[in-house]
Amino acid sequence: MRNHFVSAAVVLLLVLFLRVTPLEFAVLALSILFVLCAELLNTAVEAVVDLISPGFHPLAKIAKDTAAGAVLIAACGAAIMGYLILAKYVLPHYGKVLAMLGTPSDMGTLVSILIVIIVVIMIKSLTGSGTPLHGGMPSGHAAVAFSIATAVSLNTQDPLISLLSISLASMVSHSRLLMRIHSLRDVVIGACIGCVITTMVLLLFKKFAI
């Protein structure tokens, strides 16, 4: 619920800033309320199941999984609705930012990814944590994933492709958390290293190319 409330607050603040139409605001608000209601029902189902069946039972598992699936479907519907409404407001501005920062550079992309890998290995060596390819601080997978996502964003300058690339990088990073190979700090630091180094390298290549 906390995550849903934070997401809802961010979306509503963005909507106010973008000055969407009253109808679009109403549709977004209903989508958000639908997700919150689904989460409340999910919580109620879980509480009732735990009360009736404290131990493990296949039917209890089905009930909880189904309720959680309803929340997921509601969230996906809200995400689709949000994209359809907000895309025409957000993507053009995002595209302008990408155009200001980036320019296609194959060599810059390869150099930036290589530097990111070297920096990650150096930090792991200095901190004595993990191995170059596994564990430790920062997360190499997150660093490389966000380095590639940043390079794709700045090279293509396409807002939708950029968002999809960032989503994939986030999934890669999240997998490291699910597998308990890295902590949230490791992943966040790795992502920041990948984004910052890649942006700086590509900006340098853009400057000297001009």
N, C-alpha and C. Protein backbone atom coordinates (compact mmCIF):
# COMPACT_ATOMS: atom_id res chain seq x y z
N MET A 1 0.82 -1.20 0.00
CA MET A 1 0.00 0.00 0.00
C MET A 1 0.85 1.25 0.00
N ARG A 2 1.97 1.22 0.75
CA ARG A 2 2.85 2.39 0.77
C ARG A 2 3.40 2.68 -0.62
N ASN A 3 3.81 1.61 -1.32
CA ASN A 3 4.33 1.79 -2.68
C ASN A 3 3.27 2.35 -3.61
N HIS A 4 2.05 1.84 -3.46
CA HIS A 4 0.95 2.32 -4.31
C HIS A 4 0.66 3.79 -4.02
N PHE A 5 0.65 4.16 -2.75
CA PHE A 5 0.38 5.56 -2.40
C PHE A 5 1.47 6.49 -2.91
N VAL A 6 2.72 6.07 -2.83
CA VAL A 6 3.83 6.89 -3.34
C VAL A 6 3.70 7.05 -4.85
N SER A 7 3.42 5.96 -5.55
CA SER A 7 3.25 6.02 -7.00
C SER A 7 2.08 6.92 -7.38
N ALA A 8 0.97 6.80 -6.63
CA ALA A 8 -0.20 7.63 -6.91
C ALA A 8 0.11 9.11 -6.70
N ALA A 9 0.85 9.42 -5.64
CA ALA A 9 1.21 10.82 -5.37
C ALA A 9 2.09 11.38 -6.48
N VAL A 10 3.05 10.59 -6.95
CA VAL A 10 3.93 11.04 -8.03
C VAL A 10 3.13 11.31 -9.29
N VAL A 11 2.22 10.38 -9.64
CA VAL A 11 1.42 10.54 -10.86
C VAL A 11 0.52 11.77 -10.76
N LEU A 12 -0.13 11.95 -9.63
CA LEU A 12 -1.03 13.09 -9.47
C LEU A 12 -0.29 14.42 -9.51
N LEU A 13 0.91 14.48 -8.90
CA LEU A 13 1.71 15.70 -8.99
C LEU A 13 2.14 15.97 -10.42
N LEU A 14 2.51 14.92 -11.13
CA LEU A 14 2.89 15.07 -12.54
C LEU A 14 1.71 15.54 -13.37
N VAL A 15 0.53 15.02 -13.07
CA VAL A 15 -0.67 15.41 -13.80
C VAL A 15 -0.98 16.89 -13.58
N LEU A 16 -0.83 17.35 -12.36
CA LEU A 16 -1.07 18.76 -12.08
C LEU A 16 -0.06 19.65 -12.79
N PHE A 17 1.17 19.20 -12.85
CA PHE A 17 2.21 19.97 -13.52
C PHE A 17 1.99 20.03 -15.03
N LEU A 18 1.51 18.93 -15.60
CA LEU A 18 1.31 18.87 -17.05
C LEU A 18 -0.01 19.49 -17.49
N ARG A 19 -0.89 19.75 -16.55
CA ARG A 19 -2.17 20.39 -16.85
C ARG A 19 -2.99 19.58 -17.85
N VAL A 20 -3.27 18.35 -17.51
CA VAL A 20 -4.09 17.50 -18.37
C VAL A 20 -5.53 17.98 -18.31
N THR A 21 -6.35 17.45 -19.21
CA THR A 21 -7.76 17.85 -19.24
C THR A 21 -8.50 17.23 -18.06
N PRO A 22 -9.63 17.82 -17.67
CA PRO A 22 -10.41 17.25 -16.54
C PRO A 22 -10.81 15.80 -16.78
N LEU A 23 -11.17 15.46 -18.03
CA LEU A 23 -11.57 14.07 -18.32
C LEU A 23 -10.39 13.13 -18.14
N GLU A 24 -9.21 13.51 -18.61
CA GLU A 24 -8.02 12.68 -18.45
C GLU A 24 -7.66 12.52 -16.98
N PHE A 25 -7.80 13.60 -16.22
CA PHE A 25 -7.53 13.52 -14.78
C PHE A 25 -8.49 12.56 -14.10
N ALA A 26 -9.76 12.63 -14.49
CA ALA A 26 -10.77 11.74 -13.89
C ALA A 26 -10.47 10.28 -14.19
N VAL A 27 -10.06 9.99 -15.43
CA VAL A 27 -9.74 8.60 -15.81
C VAL A 27 -8.53 8.11 -15.03
N LEU A 28 -7.50 8.95 -14.90
CA LEU A 28 -6.31 8.55 -14.14
C LEU A 28 -6.65 8.33 -12.67
N ALA A 29 -7.46 9.22 -12.11
CA ALA A 29 -7.84 9.08 -10.70
C ALA A 29 -8.62 7.78 -10.48
N LEU A 30 -9.53 7.45 -11.39
CA LEU A 30 -10.29 6.21 -11.27
C LEU A 30 -9.37 4.99 -11.39
N SER A 31 -8.38 5.07 -12.27
CA SER A 31 -7.43 3.96 -12.43
C SER A 31 -6.64 3.75 -11.14
N ILE A 32 -6.21 4.86 -10.54
CA ILE A 32 -5.46 4.78 -9.28
C ILE A 32 -6.32 4.21 -8.17
N LEU A 33 -7.57 4.68 -8.08
CA LEU A 33 -8.48 4.19 -7.04
C LEU A 33 -8.79 2.70 -7.24
N PHE A 34 -8.87 2.28 -8.51
CA PHE A 34 -9.12 0.87 -8.79
C PHE A 34 -7.98 -0.01 -8.27
N VAL A 35 -6.74 0.44 -8.47
CA VAL A 35 -5.59 -0.31 -7.98
C VAL A 35 -5.59 -0.36 -6.45
N LEU A 36 -5.87 0.76 -5.82
CA LEU A 36 -5.90 0.81 -4.35
C LEU A 36 -7.00 -0.11 -3.80
N CYS A 37 -8.16 -0.10 -4.45
CA CYS A 37 -9.24 -0.98 -4.00
C CYS A 37 -8.85 -2.44 -4.15
N ALA A 38 -8.19 -2.77 -5.26
CA ALA A 38 -7.75 -4.15 -5.47
C ALA A 38 -6.75 -4.57 -4.40
N GLU A 39 -5.86 -3.66 -4.02
CA GLU A 39 -4.88 -3.96 -2.98
C GLU A 39 -5.56 -4.15 -1.63
N LEU A 40 -6.57 -3.35 -1.34
CA LEU A 40 -7.31 -3.51 -0.08
C LEU A 40 -8.02 -4.86 -0.04
N LEU A 41 -8.64 -5.24 -1.14
CA LEU A 41 -9.31 -6.54 -1.20
C LEU A 41 -8.29 -7.68 -1.06
N ASN A 42 -7.13 -7.51 -1.66
CA ASN A 42 -6.07 -8.51 -1.54
C ASN A 42 -5.65 -8.68 -0.08
N THR A 43 -5.50 -7.55 0.61
CA THR A 43 -5.12 -7.60 2.03
C THR A 43 -6.20 -8.28 2.85
N ALA A 44 -7.47 -7.99 2.53
CA ALA A 44 -8.58 -8.61 3.26
C ALA A 44 -8.61 -10.11 3.03
N VAL A 45 -8.40 -10.54 1.79
CA VAL A 45 -8.38 -11.97 1.48
C VAL A 45 -7.25 -12.67 2.24
N GLU A 46 -6.07 -12.06 2.24
CA GLU A 46 -4.93 -12.65 2.94
C GLU A 46 -5.21 -12.78 4.45
N ALA A 47 -5.82 -11.76 5.03
CA ALA A 47 -6.13 -11.80 6.46
C ALA A 47 -7.12 -12.91 6.78
N VAL A 48 -8.16 -13.03 5.95
CA VAL A 48 -9.17 -14.07 6.18
C VAL A 48 -8.57 -15.46 6.00
N VAL A 49 -7.76 -15.65 4.98
CA VAL A 49 -7.12 -16.94 4.73
C VAL A 49 -6.21 -17.31 5.90
N ASP A 50 -5.41 -16.35 6.38
CA ASP A 50 -4.53 -16.64 7.51
C ASP A 50 -5.32 -16.99 8.77
N LEU A 51 -6.50 -16.36 8.92
CA LEU A 51 -7.33 -16.63 10.09
C LEU A 51 -7.92 -18.04 10.03
N ILE A 52 -8.40 -18.42 8.85
CA ILE A 52 -9.06 -19.72 8.70
C ILE A 52 -8.05 -20.85 8.58
N SER A 53 -6.93 -20.57 7.84
CA SER A 53 -5.94 -21.62 7.59
C SER A 53 -4.55 -21.11 7.93
N PRO A 54 -4.20 -21.14 9.24
CA PRO A 54 -2.86 -20.64 9.63
C PRO A 54 -1.72 -21.43 9.01
N GLY A 55 -1.92 -22.73 8.82
CA GLY A 55 -0.89 -23.57 8.23
C GLY A 55 -0.99 -23.55 6.71
N PHE A 56 -0.06 -24.29 6.07
CA PHE A 56 -0.07 -24.33 4.60
C PHE A 56 -1.21 -25.19 4.10
N HIS A 57 -1.88 -24.68 3.05
CA HIS A 57 -2.93 -25.45 2.39
C HIS A 57 -2.97 -25.02 0.93
N PRO A 58 -3.10 -25.97 -0.01
CA PRO A 58 -3.11 -25.62 -1.44
C PRO A 58 -4.20 -24.61 -1.80
N LEU A 59 -5.38 -24.75 -1.20
CA LEU A 59 -6.46 -23.82 -1.50
C LEU A 59 -6.16 -22.41 -0.97
N ALA A 60 -5.49 -22.36 0.18
CA ALA A 60 -5.10 -21.05 0.72
C ALA A 60 -4.11 -20.38 -0.22
N LYS A 61 -3.20 -21.15 -0.76
CA LYS A 61 -2.23 -20.61 -1.71
C LYS A 61 -2.93 -20.07 -2.96
N ILE A 62 -3.90 -20.83 -3.46
CA ILE A 62 -4.65 -20.39 -4.65
C ILE A 62 -5.38 -19.08 -4.38
N ALA A 63 -6.01 -19.00 -3.19
CA ALA A 63 -6.76 -17.79 -2.84
C ALA A 63 -5.84 -16.58 -2.79
N LYS A 64 -4.67 -16.73 -2.15
CA LYS A 64 -3.73 -15.61 -2.04
C LYS A 64 -3.15 -15.23 -3.40
N ASP A 65 -2.78 -16.23 -4.18
CA ASP A 65 -2.20 -15.96 -5.50
C ASP A 65 -3.22 -15.29 -6.42
N THR A 66 -4.46 -15.72 -6.35
CA THR A 66 -5.51 -15.12 -7.18
C THR A 66 -5.75 -13.67 -6.80
N ALA A 67 -5.80 -13.40 -5.50
CA ALA A 67 -6.00 -12.03 -5.04
C ALA A 67 -4.83 -11.14 -5.45
N ALA A 68 -3.60 -11.67 -5.33
CA ALA A 68 -2.43 -10.90 -5.75
C ALA A 68 -2.43 -10.69 -7.26
N GLY A 69 -2.91 -11.71 -8.01
CA GLY A 69 -3.02 -11.57 -9.46
C GLY A 69 -4.00 -10.48 -9.85
N ALA A 70 -5.07 -10.33 -9.08
CA ALA A 70 -6.04 -9.26 -9.36
C ALA A 70 -5.40 -7.89 -9.22
N VAL A 71 -4.55 -7.75 -8.21
CA VAL A 71 -3.83 -6.49 -8.02
C VAL A 71 -2.90 -6.22 -9.20
N LEU A 72 -2.21 -7.28 -9.64
CA LEU A 72 -1.29 -7.14 -10.77
C LEU A 72 -2.03 -6.70 -12.03
N ILE A 73 -3.18 -7.32 -12.30
CA ILE A 73 -3.96 -6.96 -13.48
C ILE A 73 -4.44 -5.51 -13.38
N ALA A 74 -4.89 -5.12 -12.19
CA ALA A 74 -5.34 -3.73 -12.00
C ALA A 74 -4.19 -2.75 -12.21
N ALA A 75 -3.01 -3.11 -11.71
CA ALA A 75 -1.84 -2.24 -11.87
C ALA A 75 -1.43 -2.13 -13.34
N CYS A 76 -1.50 -3.25 -14.07
CA CYS A 76 -1.16 -3.23 -15.49
C CYS A 76 -2.15 -2.36 -16.26
N GLY A 77 -3.43 -2.48 -15.92
CA GLY A 77 -4.44 -1.64 -16.57
C GLY A 77 -4.21 -0.17 -16.30
N ALA A 78 -3.87 0.15 -15.05
CA ALA A 78 -3.60 1.55 -14.69
C ALA A 78 -2.36 2.07 -15.41
N ALA A 79 -1.34 1.19 -15.55
CA ALA A 79 -0.12 1.59 -16.24
C ALA A 79 -0.40 1.88 -17.72
N ILE A 80 -1.21 1.03 -18.34
CA ILE A 80 -1.57 1.25 -19.75
C ILE A 80 -2.35 2.55 -19.90
N MET A 81 -3.31 2.76 -19.00
CA MET A 81 -4.10 3.99 -19.05
C MET A 81 -3.22 5.21 -18.85
N GLY A 82 -2.29 5.11 -17.89
CA GLY A 82 -1.39 6.24 -17.64
C GLY A 82 -0.53 6.54 -18.84
N TYR A 83 -0.04 5.49 -19.50
CA TYR A 83 0.80 5.71 -20.68
C TYR A 83 0.00 6.37 -21.80
N LEU A 84 -1.20 5.87 -22.06
CA LEU A 84 -2.01 6.41 -23.15
C LEU A 84 -2.34 7.89 -22.93
N ILE A 85 -2.51 8.27 -21.67
CA ILE A 85 -2.88 9.67 -21.38
C ILE A 85 -1.65 10.57 -21.28
N LEU A 86 -0.61 10.09 -20.59
CA LEU A 86 0.54 10.95 -20.29
C LEU A 86 1.59 10.98 -21.38
N ALA A 87 1.57 10.00 -22.28
CA ALA A 87 2.62 9.90 -23.29
C ALA A 87 2.72 11.17 -24.13
N LYS A 88 1.59 11.70 -24.54
CA LYS A 88 1.62 12.89 -25.41
C LYS A 88 2.11 14.13 -24.68
N TYR A 89 2.07 14.10 -23.34
CA TYR A 89 2.58 15.23 -22.57
C TYR A 89 4.05 15.06 -22.20
N VAL A 90 4.44 13.83 -21.84
CA VAL A 90 5.78 13.58 -21.29
C VAL A 90 6.81 13.28 -22.37
N LEU A 91 6.47 12.40 -23.32
CA LEU A 91 7.46 11.93 -24.29
C LEU A 91 8.08 13.03 -25.14
N PRO A 92 7.33 14.02 -25.61
CA PRO A 92 7.98 15.09 -26.38
C PRO A 92 9.06 15.84 -25.60
N HIS A 93 8.79 16.14 -24.32
CA HIS A 93 9.77 16.84 -23.49
C HIS A 93 10.98 15.93 -23.22
N TYR A 94 10.70 14.66 -22.97
CA TYR A 94 11.78 13.70 -22.73
C TYR A 94 12.65 13.56 -23.98
N GLY A 95 12.01 13.56 -25.15
CA GLY A 95 12.76 13.48 -26.40
C GLY A 95 13.67 14.68 -26.60
N LYS A 96 13.21 15.86 -26.22
CA LYS A 96 14.04 17.06 -26.34
C LYS A 96 15.27 16.99 -25.44
N VAL A 97 15.09 16.44 -24.23
CA VAL A 97 16.23 16.29 -23.31
C VAL A 97 17.25 15.32 -23.89
N LEU A 98 16.77 14.20 -24.44
CA LEU A 98 17.67 13.22 -25.05
C LEU A 98 18.42 13.82 -26.23
N ALA A 99 17.71 14.63 -27.02
CA ALA A 99 18.35 15.26 -28.18
C ALA A 99 19.43 16.25 -27.75
N MET A 100 19.21 16.94 -26.62
CA MET A 100 20.19 17.89 -26.13
C MET A 100 21.45 17.19 -25.63
N LEU A 101 21.28 16.01 -25.02
CA LEU A 101 22.41 15.33 -24.39
C LEU A 101 23.16 14.42 -25.34
N GLY A 102 22.43 13.73 -26.20
CA GLY A 102 23.07 12.65 -26.94
C GLY A 102 23.17 12.87 -28.43
N THR A 103 24.06 12.12 -29.03
CA THR A 103 24.21 12.03 -30.48
C THR A 103 24.75 10.64 -30.78
N PRO A 104 24.33 10.01 -31.89
CA PRO A 104 24.79 8.65 -32.17
C PRO A 104 26.31 8.52 -32.18
N SER A 105 26.83 7.58 -31.40
CA SER A 105 28.28 7.36 -31.33
C SER A 105 28.55 5.91 -30.96
N ASP A 106 28.90 5.11 -31.98
CA ASP A 106 29.19 3.70 -31.72
C ASP A 106 30.42 3.53 -30.85
N MET A 107 31.48 4.27 -31.18
CA MET A 107 32.71 4.16 -30.41
C MET A 107 32.51 4.65 -28.98
N GLY A 108 31.76 5.74 -28.81
CA GLY A 108 31.50 6.26 -27.47
C GLY A 108 30.75 5.26 -26.62
N THR A 109 29.81 4.52 -27.24
CA THR A 109 29.05 3.52 -26.51
C THR A 109 29.95 2.39 -26.02
N LEU A 110 30.80 1.88 -26.90
CA LEU A 110 31.70 0.80 -26.52
C LEU A 110 32.69 1.25 -25.44
N VAL A 111 33.23 2.46 -25.61
CA VAL A 111 34.19 2.98 -24.63
C VAL A 111 33.53 3.16 -23.27
N SER A 112 32.31 3.70 -23.25
CA SER A 112 31.62 3.95 -21.97
C SER A 112 31.33 2.65 -21.23
N ILE A 113 30.87 1.62 -21.95
CA ILE A 113 30.58 0.33 -21.31
C ILE A 113 31.87 -0.29 -20.77
N LEU A 114 32.95 -0.18 -21.55
CA LEU A 114 34.24 -0.72 -21.10
C LEU A 114 34.73 -0.01 -19.85
N ILE A 115 34.59 1.31 -19.82
CA ILE A 115 35.01 2.08 -18.64
C ILE A 115 34.17 1.71 -17.42
N VAL A 116 32.88 1.53 -17.63
CA VAL A 116 31.99 1.13 -16.52
C VAL A 116 32.45 -0.19 -15.93
N ILE A 117 32.76 -1.16 -16.78
CA ILE A 117 33.21 -2.47 -16.30
C ILE A 117 34.52 -2.33 -15.51
N ILE A 118 35.44 -1.54 -16.04
CA ILE A 118 36.72 -1.34 -15.37
C ILE A 118 36.53 -0.68 -14.01
N VAL A 119 35.69 0.35 -13.96
CA VAL A 119 35.45 1.07 -12.70
C VAL A 119 34.82 0.13 -11.66
N VAL A 120 33.86 -0.69 -12.08
CA VAL A 120 33.21 -1.63 -11.16
C VAL A 120 34.23 -2.61 -10.59
N ILE A 121 35.08 -3.17 -11.45
CA ILE A 121 36.10 -4.11 -10.98
C ILE A 121 37.08 -3.44 -10.03
N MET A 122 37.46 -2.19 -10.33
CA MET A 122 38.38 -1.46 -9.47
C MET A 122 37.77 -1.20 -8.09
N ILE A 123 36.50 -0.81 -8.07
CA ILE A 123 35.84 -0.54 -6.79
C ILE A 123 35.74 -1.82 -5.97
N LYS A 124 35.40 -2.93 -6.63
CA LYS A 124 35.32 -4.20 -5.91
C LYS A 124 36.69 -4.60 -5.34
N SER A 125 37.75 -4.32 -6.11
CA SER A 125 39.09 -4.65 -5.64
C SER A 125 39.46 -3.79 -4.43
N LEU A 126 39.11 -2.51 -4.50
CA LEU A 126 39.46 -1.60 -3.40
C LEU A 126 38.68 -1.92 -2.13
N THR A 127 37.41 -2.30 -2.30
CA THR A 127 36.58 -2.60 -1.13
C THR A 127 36.75 -4.04 -0.66
N GLY A 128 37.35 -4.88 -1.52
CA GLY A 128 37.54 -6.27 -1.15
C GLY A 128 36.26 -7.04 -0.99
N SER A 129 35.24 -6.67 -1.77
CA SER A 129 33.94 -7.35 -1.66
C SER A 129 33.60 -8.07 -2.95
N GLY A 130 33.18 -9.31 -2.83
CA GLY A 130 32.77 -10.08 -3.99
C GLY A 130 33.91 -10.41 -4.93
N THR A 131 33.52 -10.83 -6.13
CA THR A 131 34.49 -11.10 -7.19
C THR A 131 34.15 -10.20 -8.37
N PRO A 132 35.03 -10.09 -9.36
CA PRO A 132 34.73 -9.22 -10.51
C PRO A 132 33.41 -9.54 -11.20
N LEU A 133 32.98 -10.80 -11.15
CA LEU A 133 31.77 -11.20 -11.86
C LEU A 133 30.63 -11.64 -10.96
N HIS A 134 30.81 -11.56 -9.64
CA HIS A 134 29.75 -12.05 -8.76
C HIS A 134 29.81 -11.33 -7.40
N GLY A 135 28.65 -10.81 -6.99
CA GLY A 135 28.52 -10.21 -5.67
C GLY A 135 29.35 -8.95 -5.47
N GLY A 136 29.37 -8.49 -4.24
CA GLY A 136 30.17 -7.32 -3.90
C GLY A 136 29.50 -6.00 -4.23
N MET A 137 30.20 -4.94 -3.90
CA MET A 137 29.70 -3.59 -4.11
C MET A 137 30.62 -2.85 -5.08
N PRO A 138 30.06 -2.31 -6.19
CA PRO A 138 28.65 -2.23 -6.59
C PRO A 138 28.23 -3.42 -7.43
N SER A 139 26.98 -3.44 -7.83
CA SER A 139 26.47 -4.50 -8.68
C SER A 139 26.93 -4.26 -10.12
N GLY A 140 27.74 -5.17 -10.64
CA GLY A 140 28.21 -5.04 -12.01
C GLY A 140 27.09 -5.19 -13.03
N HIS A 141 26.15 -6.10 -12.74
CA HIS A 141 25.02 -6.29 -13.65
C HIS A 141 24.19 -5.01 -13.77
N ALA A 142 23.92 -4.37 -12.63
CA ALA A 142 23.15 -3.13 -12.65
C ALA A 142 23.91 -2.03 -13.38
N ALA A 143 25.22 -1.95 -13.14
CA ALA A 143 26.04 -0.91 -13.78
C ALA A 143 26.04 -1.07 -15.30
N VAL A 144 26.28 -2.28 -15.77
CA VAL A 144 26.32 -2.52 -17.22
C VAL A 144 24.93 -2.36 -17.84
N ALA A 145 23.91 -2.86 -17.15
CA ALA A 145 22.54 -2.76 -17.68
C ALA A 145 22.12 -1.30 -17.84
N PHE A 146 22.39 -0.47 -16.84
CA PHE A 146 22.01 0.93 -16.94
C PHE A 146 22.94 1.71 -17.86
N SER A 147 24.19 1.24 -18.01
CA SER A 147 25.08 1.85 -18.99
C SER A 147 24.53 1.64 -20.40
N ILE A 148 24.10 0.41 -20.69
CA ILE A 148 23.53 0.11 -22.00
C ILE A 148 22.22 0.88 -22.21
N ALA A 149 21.38 0.93 -21.17
CA ALA A 149 20.11 1.66 -21.28
C ALA A 149 20.35 3.14 -21.55
N THR A 150 21.34 3.71 -20.87
CA THR A 150 21.67 5.12 -21.10
C THR A 150 22.20 5.35 -22.50
N ALA A 151 23.07 4.45 -22.97
CA ALA A 151 23.61 4.57 -24.32
C ALA A 151 22.50 4.44 -25.36
N VAL A 152 21.61 3.50 -25.18
CA VAL A 152 20.49 3.33 -26.11
C VAL A 152 19.62 4.59 -26.12
N SER A 153 19.36 5.14 -24.94
CA SER A 153 18.52 6.34 -24.84
C SER A 153 19.14 7.53 -25.57
N LEU A 154 20.44 7.75 -25.34
CA LEU A 154 21.09 8.92 -25.93
C LEU A 154 21.40 8.72 -27.41
N ASN A 155 21.60 7.48 -27.84
CA ASN A 155 21.91 7.24 -29.25
C ASN A 155 20.65 7.26 -30.12
N THR A 156 19.58 6.64 -29.63
CA THR A 156 18.35 6.60 -30.43
C THR A 156 17.55 7.89 -30.29
N GLN A 157 17.62 8.52 -29.11
CA GLN A 157 16.86 9.74 -28.82
C GLN A 157 15.36 9.50 -29.01
N ASP A 158 14.95 8.25 -28.80
CA ASP A 158 13.54 7.89 -28.91
C ASP A 158 13.00 7.65 -27.50
N PRO A 159 12.04 8.45 -27.06
CA PRO A 159 11.55 8.33 -25.67
C PRO A 159 11.01 6.96 -25.32
N LEU A 160 10.23 6.35 -26.24
CA LEU A 160 9.65 5.05 -25.93
C LEU A 160 10.73 3.97 -25.82
N ILE A 161 11.66 3.94 -26.77
CA ILE A 161 12.76 2.98 -26.71
C ILE A 161 13.58 3.20 -25.45
N SER A 162 13.78 4.44 -25.07
CA SER A 162 14.53 4.76 -23.86
C SER A 162 13.84 4.18 -22.62
N LEU A 163 12.53 4.40 -22.53
CA LEU A 163 11.79 3.90 -21.37
C LEU A 163 11.80 2.38 -21.32
N LEU A 164 11.69 1.73 -22.48
CA LEU A 164 11.74 0.27 -22.51
C LEU A 164 13.12 -0.25 -22.10
N SER A 165 14.17 0.45 -22.54
CA SER A 165 15.53 0.05 -22.17
C SER A 165 15.76 0.20 -20.68
N ILE A 166 15.27 1.29 -20.12
CA ILE A 166 15.41 1.51 -18.68
C ILE A 166 14.62 0.46 -17.90
N SER A 167 13.46 0.09 -18.43
CA SER A 167 12.65 -0.95 -17.78
C SER A 167 13.41 -2.28 -17.75
N LEU A 168 14.06 -2.63 -18.86
CA LEU A 168 14.84 -3.86 -18.90
C LEU A 168 16.01 -3.81 -17.92
N ALA A 169 16.67 -2.65 -17.86
CA ALA A 169 17.79 -2.50 -16.92
C ALA A 169 17.29 -2.63 -15.47
N SER A 170 16.11 -2.09 -15.21
CA SER A 170 15.54 -2.20 -13.86
C SER A 170 15.22 -3.65 -13.52
N MET A 171 14.73 -4.41 -14.51
CA MET A 171 14.43 -5.83 -14.28
C MET A 171 15.71 -6.62 -13.98
N VAL A 172 16.77 -6.32 -14.73
CA VAL A 172 18.05 -6.98 -14.48
C VAL A 172 18.52 -6.68 -13.06
N SER A 173 18.43 -5.43 -12.67
CA SER A 173 18.87 -5.02 -11.33
C SER A 173 18.01 -5.66 -10.25
N HIS A 174 16.70 -5.71 -10.51
CA HIS A 174 15.78 -6.29 -9.53
C HIS A 174 16.06 -7.77 -9.35
N SER A 175 16.47 -8.45 -10.42
CA SER A 175 16.77 -9.88 -10.32
C SER A 175 17.93 -10.13 -9.35
N ARG A 176 18.87 -9.19 -9.28
CA ARG A 176 19.99 -9.35 -8.35
C ARG A 176 19.52 -9.27 -6.90
N LEU A 177 18.47 -8.48 -6.68
CA LEU A 177 17.90 -8.39 -5.34
C LEU A 177 17.12 -9.67 -5.00
N LEU A 178 16.34 -10.14 -5.98
CA LEU A 178 15.54 -11.34 -5.73
C LEU A 178 16.42 -12.56 -5.46
N MET A 179 17.57 -12.61 -6.14
CA MET A 179 18.49 -13.74 -5.94
C MET A 179 19.38 -13.54 -4.72
N ARG A 180 19.23 -12.38 -4.06
CA ARG A 180 19.97 -12.04 -2.85
C ARG A 180 21.49 -12.07 -3.07
N ILE A 181 21.87 -11.66 -4.27
CA ILE A 181 23.29 -11.55 -4.58
C ILE A 181 23.81 -10.18 -4.18
N HIS A 182 22.95 -9.17 -4.29
CA HIS A 182 23.32 -7.80 -3.95
C HIS A 182 22.27 -7.18 -3.04
N SER A 183 22.69 -6.15 -2.32
CA SER A 183 21.76 -5.36 -1.53
C SER A 183 21.22 -4.23 -2.39
N LEU A 184 20.21 -3.53 -1.88
CA LEU A 184 19.64 -2.40 -2.61
C LEU A 184 20.69 -1.32 -2.83
N ARG A 185 21.57 -1.12 -1.85
CA ARG A 185 22.64 -0.12 -1.99
C ARG A 185 23.58 -0.47 -3.13
N ASP A 186 23.95 -1.75 -3.22
CA ASP A 186 24.84 -2.20 -4.29
C ASP A 186 24.23 -1.94 -5.66
N VAL A 187 22.94 -2.22 -5.79
CA VAL A 187 22.25 -2.06 -7.07
C VAL A 187 22.13 -0.59 -7.44
N VAL A 188 21.75 0.23 -6.46
CA VAL A 188 21.57 1.66 -6.74
C VAL A 188 22.91 2.31 -7.13
N ILE A 189 23.96 1.98 -6.39
CA ILE A 189 25.28 2.53 -6.71
C ILE A 189 25.74 2.06 -8.09
N GLY A 190 25.52 0.79 -8.40
CA GLY A 190 25.88 0.28 -9.71
C GLY A 190 25.12 0.99 -10.83
N ALA A 191 23.82 1.19 -10.63
CA ALA A 191 23.02 1.89 -11.63
C ALA A 191 23.50 3.32 -11.84
N CYS A 192 23.82 4.00 -10.75
CA CYS A 192 24.32 5.39 -10.85
C CYS A 192 25.65 5.44 -11.59
N ILE A 193 26.54 4.48 -11.29
CA ILE A 193 27.84 4.44 -11.98
C ILE A 193 27.63 4.26 -13.48
N GLY A 194 26.75 3.32 -13.85
CA GLY A 194 26.49 3.08 -15.26
C GLY A 194 25.92 4.29 -15.97
N CYS A 195 24.95 4.95 -15.36
CA CYS A 195 24.31 6.11 -15.98
C CYS A 195 25.27 7.29 -16.10
N VAL A 196 25.95 7.61 -15.00
CA VAL A 196 26.80 8.80 -14.97
C VAL A 196 27.99 8.67 -15.91
N ILE A 197 28.70 7.56 -15.84
CA ILE A 197 29.89 7.38 -16.68
C ILE A 197 29.51 7.37 -18.15
N THR A 198 28.46 6.66 -18.50
CA THR A 198 28.04 6.59 -19.90
C THR A 198 27.61 7.96 -20.42
N THR A 199 26.87 8.71 -19.62
CA THR A 199 26.46 10.05 -20.05
C THR A 199 27.66 10.95 -20.25
N MET A 200 28.61 10.91 -19.32
CA MET A 200 29.80 11.76 -19.43
C MET A 200 30.63 11.41 -20.66
N VAL A 201 30.83 10.11 -20.90
CA VAL A 201 31.63 9.69 -22.05
C VAL A 201 30.97 10.09 -23.36
N LEU A 202 29.66 9.87 -23.46
CA LEU A 202 28.96 10.21 -24.70
C LEU A 202 28.92 11.71 -24.92
N LEU A 203 28.82 12.48 -23.84
CA LEU A 203 28.87 13.95 -23.98
C LEU A 203 30.24 14.41 -24.47
N LEU A 204 31.29 13.75 -23.99
CA LEU A 204 32.64 14.08 -24.45
C LEU A 204 32.81 13.75 -25.94
N PHE A 205 32.30 12.60 -26.34
CA PHE A 205 32.38 12.23 -27.76
C PHE A 205 31.55 13.19 -28.61
N LYS A 206 30.42 13.63 -28.09
CA LYS A 206 29.59 14.58 -28.83
C LYS A 206 30.33 15.92 -28.98
N LYS A 207 30.97 16.35 -27.90
CA LYS A 207 31.70 17.63 -27.93
C LYS A 207 32.84 17.61 -28.94
N PHE A 208 33.63 16.54 -28.92
CA PHE A 208 34.78 16.48 -29.83
C PHE A 208 34.36 16.17 -31.27
N ALA A 209 33.19 15.52 -31.41
CA ALA A 209 32.70 15.25 -32.75
C ALA A 209 32.28 16.55 -33.43
N ILE A 210 31.75 17.48 -32.63
CA ILE A 210 31.34 18.78 -33.16
C ILE A 210 32.57 19.59 -33.54
